[in-house]
Amino acid sequence: MVSGECGPPERRAPLNRERVLNAAVALADQAGIDALRMRNLAPELGVVPMALYKHVANKEELLDGMV
């Protein structure tokens, strides 16, 4: 490989409800439940906030799934 070249792009695991909920629990454990927002959660998963709404309808559903 020539210096400065990047390898193939790293593939991330597909986003699904389980990944969203696990990341939400981890974020709440790390930063507290008050920090749990779609805008804060999305970067943890490498997506834009709107992508989360395909898997959870809203914050209330996110919190229900975490429980």
N, C-alpha and C. Protein backbone atom coordinates (compact mmCIF):
# COMPACT_ATOMS: atom_id res chain seq x y z
N MET A 1 0.85 -1.17 0.00
CA MET A 1 0.00 0.00 0.00
C MET A 1 0.89 1.23 0.00
N VAL A 2 0.56 2.20 -0.80
CA VAL A 2 1.32 3.44 -0.90
C VAL A 2 0.98 4.33 0.27
N SER A 3 1.99 5.02 0.81
CA SER A 3 1.77 5.92 1.93
C SER A 3 0.67 6.92 1.61
N GLY A 4 -0.25 7.12 2.55
CA GLY A 4 -1.33 8.07 2.36
C GLY A 4 -2.61 7.44 1.83
N GLU A 5 -2.52 6.21 1.32
CA GLU A 5 -3.71 5.53 0.83
C GLU A 5 -4.43 4.89 2.00
N CYS A 6 -5.70 4.89 1.90
CA CYS A 6 -6.51 4.23 2.91
C CYS A 6 -6.96 2.88 2.36
N GLY A 7 -7.19 1.97 3.25
CA GLY A 7 -7.71 0.68 2.85
C GLY A 7 -9.19 0.81 2.54
N PRO A 8 -9.83 -0.30 2.32
CA PRO A 8 -11.27 -0.25 2.04
C PRO A 8 -12.01 0.37 3.23
N PRO A 9 -13.12 1.04 2.97
CA PRO A 9 -13.85 1.65 4.08
C PRO A 9 -14.29 0.59 5.08
N GLU A 10 -14.21 0.94 6.35
CA GLU A 10 -14.59 0.01 7.40
C GLU A 10 -16.11 -0.11 7.42
N ARG A 11 -16.60 -1.32 7.42
CA ARG A 11 -18.04 -1.55 7.43
C ARG A 11 -18.51 -1.59 8.87
N ARG A 12 -19.55 -0.86 9.15
CA ARG A 12 -20.11 -0.92 10.49
C ARG A 12 -21.29 -1.89 10.48
N ALA A 13 -21.61 -2.40 11.64
CA ALA A 13 -22.74 -3.32 11.74
C ALA A 13 -24.02 -2.59 11.37
N PRO A 14 -24.95 -3.27 10.73
CA PRO A 14 -26.21 -2.62 10.37
C PRO A 14 -26.94 -2.12 11.61
N LEU A 15 -27.58 -1.00 11.45
CA LEU A 15 -28.34 -0.43 12.55
C LEU A 15 -29.63 -1.22 12.73
N ASN A 16 -29.93 -1.57 13.97
CA ASN A 16 -31.18 -2.25 14.27
C ASN A 16 -31.63 -1.81 15.67
N ARG A 17 -32.81 -2.19 16.04
CA ARG A 17 -33.38 -1.76 17.33
C ARG A 17 -32.48 -2.17 18.50
N GLU A 18 -31.97 -3.38 18.47
CA GLU A 18 -31.12 -3.86 19.57
C GLU A 18 -29.87 -3.00 19.73
N ARG A 19 -29.21 -2.67 18.61
CA ARG A 19 -28.02 -1.80 18.68
C ARG A 19 -28.37 -0.42 19.22
N VAL A 20 -29.50 0.12 18.79
CA VAL A 20 -29.93 1.44 19.27
C VAL A 20 -30.15 1.40 20.77
N LEU A 21 -30.88 0.39 21.24
CA LEU A 21 -31.18 0.30 22.67
C LEU A 21 -29.92 0.04 23.50
N ASN A 22 -29.04 -0.81 23.03
CA ASN A 22 -27.79 -1.06 23.76
C ASN A 22 -26.94 0.20 23.85
N ALA A 23 -26.87 0.95 22.77
CA ALA A 23 -26.11 2.20 22.77
C ALA A 23 -26.75 3.22 23.70
N ALA A 24 -28.08 3.24 23.75
CA ALA A 24 -28.79 4.16 24.64
C ALA A 24 -28.49 3.84 26.10
N VAL A 25 -28.50 2.57 26.43
CA VAL A 25 -28.18 2.17 27.81
C VAL A 25 -26.74 2.57 28.16
N ALA A 26 -25.82 2.32 27.24
CA ALA A 26 -24.41 2.67 27.49
C ALA A 26 -24.25 4.18 27.66
N LEU A 27 -24.93 4.95 26.82
CA LEU A 27 -24.84 6.41 26.93
C LEU A 27 -25.43 6.89 28.24
N ALA A 28 -26.57 6.35 28.64
CA ALA A 28 -27.20 6.73 29.90
C ALA A 28 -26.31 6.35 31.08
N ASP A 29 -25.66 5.19 31.02
CA ASP A 29 -24.74 4.78 32.08
C ASP A 29 -23.55 5.73 32.17
N GLN A 30 -23.07 6.16 31.02
CA GLN A 30 -21.87 7.01 30.97
C GLN A 30 -22.17 8.47 31.33
N ALA A 31 -23.22 9.03 30.74
CA ALA A 31 -23.46 10.47 30.87
C ALA A 31 -24.69 10.82 31.69
N GLY A 32 -25.48 9.83 32.06
CA GLY A 32 -26.70 10.09 32.82
C GLY A 32 -27.91 10.12 31.90
N ILE A 33 -29.06 9.79 32.47
CA ILE A 33 -30.29 9.69 31.69
C ILE A 33 -30.69 11.04 31.10
N ASP A 34 -30.35 12.14 31.76
CA ASP A 34 -30.69 13.47 31.24
C ASP A 34 -29.94 13.81 29.96
N ALA A 35 -28.83 13.16 29.73
CA ALA A 35 -28.03 13.40 28.51
C ALA A 35 -28.54 12.59 27.33
N LEU A 36 -29.50 11.72 27.58
CA LEU A 36 -29.99 10.83 26.53
C LEU A 36 -30.93 11.58 25.59
N ARG A 37 -30.43 11.88 24.42
CA ARG A 37 -31.18 12.53 23.35
C ARG A 37 -30.78 11.86 22.05
N MET A 38 -31.68 11.91 21.09
CA MET A 38 -31.36 11.31 19.79
C MET A 38 -30.11 11.96 19.21
N ARG A 39 -29.96 13.27 19.40
CA ARG A 39 -28.77 13.97 18.88
C ARG A 39 -27.48 13.49 19.54
N ASN A 40 -27.56 13.08 20.78
CA ASN A 40 -26.37 12.59 21.48
C ASN A 40 -26.11 11.12 21.19
N LEU A 41 -27.18 10.40 20.93
CA LEU A 41 -27.06 8.96 20.70
C LEU A 41 -26.57 8.63 19.29
N ALA A 42 -27.03 9.39 18.31
CA ALA A 42 -26.70 9.11 16.91
C ALA A 42 -25.19 9.02 16.64
N PRO A 43 -24.38 9.98 17.12
CA PRO A 43 -22.93 9.87 16.85
C PRO A 43 -22.30 8.61 17.46
N GLU A 44 -22.85 8.12 18.54
CA GLU A 44 -22.33 6.89 19.15
C GLU A 44 -22.47 5.70 18.20
N LEU A 45 -23.47 5.79 17.32
CA LEU A 45 -23.74 4.71 16.37
C LEU A 45 -23.23 5.03 14.97
N GLY A 46 -22.69 6.24 14.79
CA GLY A 46 -22.16 6.63 13.49
C GLY A 46 -23.23 6.94 12.47
N VAL A 47 -24.38 7.45 12.94
CA VAL A 47 -25.48 7.79 12.04
C VAL A 47 -25.99 9.19 12.35
N VAL A 48 -26.89 9.67 11.51
CA VAL A 48 -27.57 10.94 11.78
C VAL A 48 -28.77 10.65 12.67
N PRO A 49 -29.20 11.63 13.47
CA PRO A 49 -30.31 11.39 14.40
C PRO A 49 -31.57 10.82 13.74
N MET A 50 -31.92 11.28 12.55
CA MET A 50 -33.14 10.81 11.90
C MET A 50 -33.11 9.31 11.61
N ALA A 51 -31.94 8.73 11.47
CA ALA A 51 -31.83 7.29 11.21
C ALA A 51 -32.35 6.47 12.38
N LEU A 52 -32.32 7.03 13.58
CA LEU A 52 -32.77 6.30 14.77
C LEU A 52 -34.28 6.09 14.77
N TYR A 53 -34.99 7.01 14.14
CA TYR A 53 -36.45 6.95 14.17
C TYR A 53 -37.02 5.80 13.35
N LYS A 54 -36.21 5.16 12.57
CA LYS A 54 -36.66 3.95 11.86
C LYS A 54 -36.78 2.78 12.85
N HIS A 55 -36.06 2.89 13.96
CA HIS A 55 -35.98 1.78 14.93
C HIS A 55 -36.73 2.06 16.23
N VAL A 56 -36.86 3.33 16.59
CA VAL A 56 -37.66 3.74 17.74
C VAL A 56 -38.43 4.99 17.33
N ALA A 57 -39.72 5.03 17.65
CA ALA A 57 -40.58 6.12 17.18
C ALA A 57 -40.26 7.46 17.82
N ASN A 58 -39.82 7.42 19.09
CA ASN A 58 -39.57 8.66 19.82
C ASN A 58 -38.78 8.33 21.09
N LYS A 59 -38.50 9.36 21.87
CA LYS A 59 -37.69 9.15 23.07
C LYS A 59 -38.43 8.26 24.07
N GLU A 60 -39.74 8.40 24.17
CA GLU A 60 -40.51 7.58 25.10
C GLU A 60 -40.36 6.09 24.76
N GLU A 61 -40.44 5.77 23.48
CA GLU A 61 -40.27 4.37 23.05
C GLU A 61 -38.83 3.91 23.31
N LEU A 62 -37.88 4.81 23.13
CA LEU A 62 -36.48 4.49 23.42
C LEU A 62 -36.33 4.13 24.90
N LEU A 63 -36.88 4.96 25.77
CA LEU A 63 -36.79 4.71 27.23
C LEU A 63 -37.51 3.43 27.60
N ASP A 64 -38.69 3.18 27.02
CA ASP A 64 -39.42 1.93 27.29
C ASP A 64 -38.59 0.71 26.88
N GLY A 65 -37.94 0.80 25.73
CA GLY A 65 -37.12 -0.32 25.25
C GLY A 65 -35.90 -0.55 26.12
N MET A 66 -35.38 0.51 26.69
CA MET A 66 -34.20 0.38 27.56
C MET A 66 -34.55 -0.38 28.84
N VAL A 67 -35.76 -0.20 29.30
CA VAL A 67 -36.21 -0.86 30.54
C VAL A 67 -36.45 -2.31 30.24
